[in-house]
Amino acid sequence: MKSTTPAGGALAAQQYLKANLVDEMQLHLVPTLLGGGERLFDGVEALHALAMVKAVVAPDVIHLQFARK
């Protein structure tokens, strides 16, 4: 299978996770208070199939990498 980099918001990411299409996931967290929005991991049991393999804390951002267990 080829590597792909799907784009989209929380709802698209939830669909990829629920369909078991994610082998690796990278999140870049920039803590900013913006109010409401869609939660990325609500109701996604497939997240339990991923393990954090890397975390890098930098000024103003946290980079997280997850891979299939």
N, C-alpha and C. Protein backbone atom coordinates (compact mmCIF):
# COMPACT_ATOMS: atom_id res chain seq x y z
N MET A 1 0.83 -1.17 0.00
CA MET A 1 0.00 0.00 0.00
C MET A 1 0.88 1.24 0.00
N LYS A 2 0.45 2.24 -0.70
CA LYS A 2 1.19 3.49 -0.78
C LYS A 2 0.92 4.35 0.44
N SER A 3 1.87 5.22 0.73
CA SER A 3 1.67 6.19 1.80
C SER A 3 0.79 7.32 1.30
N THR A 4 -0.08 7.76 2.14
CA THR A 4 -0.92 8.91 1.82
C THR A 4 -0.92 9.86 3.01
N THR A 5 -1.22 11.09 2.75
CA THR A 5 -1.35 12.09 3.79
C THR A 5 -2.71 12.74 3.64
N PRO A 6 -3.71 12.15 4.27
CA PRO A 6 -5.05 12.73 4.15
C PRO A 6 -5.14 14.03 4.94
N ALA A 7 -5.98 14.90 4.46
CA ALA A 7 -6.19 16.18 5.13
C ALA A 7 -7.64 16.26 5.58
N GLY A 8 -7.89 17.13 6.49
CA GLY A 8 -9.25 17.32 6.97
C GLY A 8 -9.23 17.67 8.44
N GLY A 9 -10.38 17.90 8.96
CA GLY A 9 -10.51 18.25 10.36
C GLY A 9 -10.75 17.04 11.23
N ALA A 10 -11.28 17.29 12.41
CA ALA A 10 -11.49 16.23 13.39
C ALA A 10 -12.45 15.16 12.88
N LEU A 11 -13.50 15.55 12.18
CA LEU A 11 -14.47 14.56 11.70
C LEU A 11 -13.85 13.62 10.66
N ALA A 12 -13.03 14.17 9.77
CA ALA A 12 -12.36 13.33 8.77
C ALA A 12 -11.38 12.38 9.46
N ALA A 13 -10.61 12.89 10.41
CA ALA A 13 -9.66 12.04 11.14
C ALA A 13 -10.38 10.92 11.88
N GLN A 14 -11.52 11.21 12.48
CA GLN A 14 -12.30 10.18 13.18
C GLN A 14 -12.73 9.09 12.21
N GLN A 15 -13.13 9.47 11.01
CA GLN A 15 -13.56 8.47 10.02
C GLN A 15 -12.40 7.57 9.61
N TYR A 16 -11.21 8.14 9.40
CA TYR A 16 -10.03 7.34 9.05
C TYR A 16 -9.70 6.36 10.17
N LEU A 17 -9.75 6.84 11.42
CA LEU A 17 -9.44 5.99 12.56
C LEU A 17 -10.48 4.88 12.72
N LYS A 18 -11.75 5.22 12.61
CA LYS A 18 -12.81 4.22 12.76
C LYS A 18 -12.76 3.15 11.67
N ALA A 19 -12.30 3.55 10.47
CA ALA A 19 -12.19 2.60 9.35
C ALA A 19 -10.88 1.81 9.41
N ASN A 20 -10.08 2.02 10.46
CA ASN A 20 -8.81 1.30 10.65
C ASN A 20 -7.85 1.55 9.49
N LEU A 21 -7.80 2.79 9.00
CA LEU A 21 -6.94 3.15 7.88
C LEU A 21 -5.66 3.86 8.32
N VAL A 22 -5.46 4.01 9.61
CA VAL A 22 -4.33 4.79 10.12
C VAL A 22 -3.25 3.86 10.67
N ASP A 23 -2.05 3.94 10.07
CA ASP A 23 -0.89 3.20 10.57
C ASP A 23 0.01 4.11 11.40
N GLU A 24 0.01 5.39 11.06
CA GLU A 24 0.83 6.36 11.76
C GLU A 24 0.10 7.70 11.76
N MET A 25 0.24 8.43 12.85
CA MET A 25 -0.43 9.72 12.95
C MET A 25 0.51 10.70 13.62
N GLN A 26 0.60 11.89 13.06
CA GLN A 26 1.40 12.95 13.66
C GLN A 26 0.47 14.10 14.02
N LEU A 27 0.57 14.55 15.26
CA LEU A 27 -0.22 15.68 15.73
C LEU A 27 0.73 16.79 16.14
N HIS A 28 0.36 18.00 15.81
CA HIS A 28 1.14 19.17 16.18
C HIS A 28 0.20 20.06 16.98
N LEU A 29 0.40 20.11 18.28
CA LEU A 29 -0.49 20.83 19.17
C LEU A 29 0.06 22.23 19.44
N VAL A 30 -0.77 23.22 19.11
CA VAL A 30 -0.43 24.61 19.38
C VAL A 30 -1.50 25.12 20.32
N PRO A 31 -1.19 25.18 21.62
CA PRO A 31 -2.22 25.55 22.58
C PRO A 31 -2.67 27.00 22.42
N THR A 32 -3.90 27.15 21.96
CA THR A 32 -4.51 28.46 21.78
C THR A 32 -5.96 28.34 22.19
N LEU A 33 -6.44 29.28 22.93
CA LEU A 33 -7.82 29.27 23.37
C LEU A 33 -8.69 29.88 22.28
N LEU A 34 -9.48 29.03 21.61
CA LEU A 34 -10.33 29.49 20.52
C LEU A 34 -11.81 29.28 20.78
N GLY A 35 -12.15 28.59 21.82
CA GLY A 35 -13.55 28.32 22.08
C GLY A 35 -13.92 26.90 21.70
N GLY A 36 -15.16 26.70 21.24
CA GLY A 36 -15.67 25.37 20.92
C GLY A 36 -15.12 24.83 19.63
N GLY A 37 -15.41 23.57 19.39
CA GLY A 37 -14.98 22.92 18.16
C GLY A 37 -15.17 21.42 18.29
N GLU A 38 -14.87 20.70 17.22
CA GLU A 38 -14.98 19.25 17.23
C GLU A 38 -13.81 18.66 18.00
N ARG A 39 -14.09 17.65 18.82
CA ARG A 39 -13.04 16.96 19.56
C ARG A 39 -12.51 15.83 18.68
N LEU A 40 -11.20 15.73 18.59
CA LEU A 40 -10.57 14.77 17.68
C LEU A 40 -10.84 13.32 18.06
N PHE A 41 -10.82 12.97 19.34
CA PHE A 41 -10.86 11.57 19.73
C PHE A 41 -12.17 11.14 20.35
N ASP A 42 -13.23 11.91 20.26
CA ASP A 42 -14.52 11.50 20.82
C ASP A 42 -15.05 10.26 20.12
N GLY A 43 -15.34 9.22 20.89
CA GLY A 43 -15.98 8.02 20.36
C GLY A 43 -15.13 7.20 19.41
N VAL A 44 -13.82 7.34 19.47
CA VAL A 44 -12.94 6.61 18.55
C VAL A 44 -12.20 5.52 19.32
N GLU A 45 -12.74 4.31 19.29
CA GLU A 45 -12.10 3.18 19.98
C GLU A 45 -10.82 2.74 19.27
N ALA A 46 -10.70 3.03 17.97
CA ALA A 46 -9.53 2.61 17.20
C ALA A 46 -8.26 3.28 17.70
N LEU A 47 -8.40 4.34 18.46
CA LEU A 47 -7.22 5.02 19.01
C LEU A 47 -6.42 4.09 19.90
N HIS A 48 -7.06 3.11 20.50
CA HIS A 48 -6.36 2.15 21.36
C HIS A 48 -5.39 1.28 20.57
N ALA A 49 -5.49 1.26 19.26
CA ALA A 49 -4.58 0.48 18.42
C ALA A 49 -3.28 1.25 18.14
N LEU A 50 -3.20 2.50 18.59
CA LEU A 50 -2.02 3.32 18.36
C LEU A 50 -1.26 3.54 19.66
N ALA A 51 0.06 3.64 19.55
CA ALA A 51 0.91 3.93 20.70
C ALA A 51 1.77 5.15 20.38
N MET A 52 1.98 6.02 21.37
CA MET A 52 2.84 7.17 21.15
C MET A 52 4.28 6.69 21.05
N VAL A 53 4.96 7.08 19.98
CA VAL A 53 6.34 6.67 19.77
C VAL A 53 7.32 7.84 19.90
N LYS A 54 6.78 9.07 19.87
CA LYS A 54 7.68 10.22 19.95
C LYS A 54 6.90 11.43 20.42
N ALA A 55 7.53 12.23 21.26
CA ALA A 55 6.97 13.50 21.70
C ALA A 55 8.10 14.51 21.77
N VAL A 56 7.91 15.63 21.10
CA VAL A 56 8.91 16.69 21.11
C VAL A 56 8.23 17.98 21.55
N VAL A 57 8.74 18.55 22.63
CA VAL A 57 8.20 19.81 23.13
C VAL A 57 9.11 20.93 22.64
N ALA A 58 8.51 21.89 21.97
CA ALA A 58 9.24 23.05 21.47
C ALA A 58 8.48 24.31 21.92
N PRO A 59 9.10 25.45 21.80
CA PRO A 59 8.37 26.67 22.18
C PRO A 59 7.08 26.80 21.36
N ASP A 60 5.98 26.94 22.04
CA ASP A 60 4.66 27.18 21.44
C ASP A 60 4.06 26.01 20.68
N VAL A 61 4.68 24.82 20.68
CA VAL A 61 4.11 23.68 19.96
C VAL A 61 4.61 22.37 20.59
N ILE A 62 3.77 21.36 20.52
CA ILE A 62 4.14 20.01 20.95
C ILE A 62 3.90 19.08 19.76
N HIS A 63 4.91 18.34 19.35
CA HIS A 63 4.81 17.41 18.23
C HIS A 63 4.67 15.99 18.80
N LEU A 64 3.61 15.29 18.41
CA LEU A 64 3.37 13.93 18.87
C LEU A 64 3.29 13.00 17.68
N GLN A 65 3.90 11.83 17.80
CA GLN A 65 3.84 10.82 16.74
C GLN A 65 3.31 9.53 17.34
N PHE A 66 2.30 8.96 16.68
CA PHE A 66 1.69 7.70 17.10
C PHE A 66 1.86 6.69 15.98
N ALA A 67 1.99 5.40 16.34
CA ALA A 67 2.09 4.33 15.35
C ALA A 67 1.24 3.16 15.80
N ARG A 68 0.84 2.34 14.84
CA ARG A 68 0.05 1.15 15.15
C ARG A 68 0.85 0.23 16.05
N LYS A 69 0.20 -0.33 17.07
CA LYS A 69 0.87 -1.24 18.01
C LYS A 69 1.22 -2.54 17.34
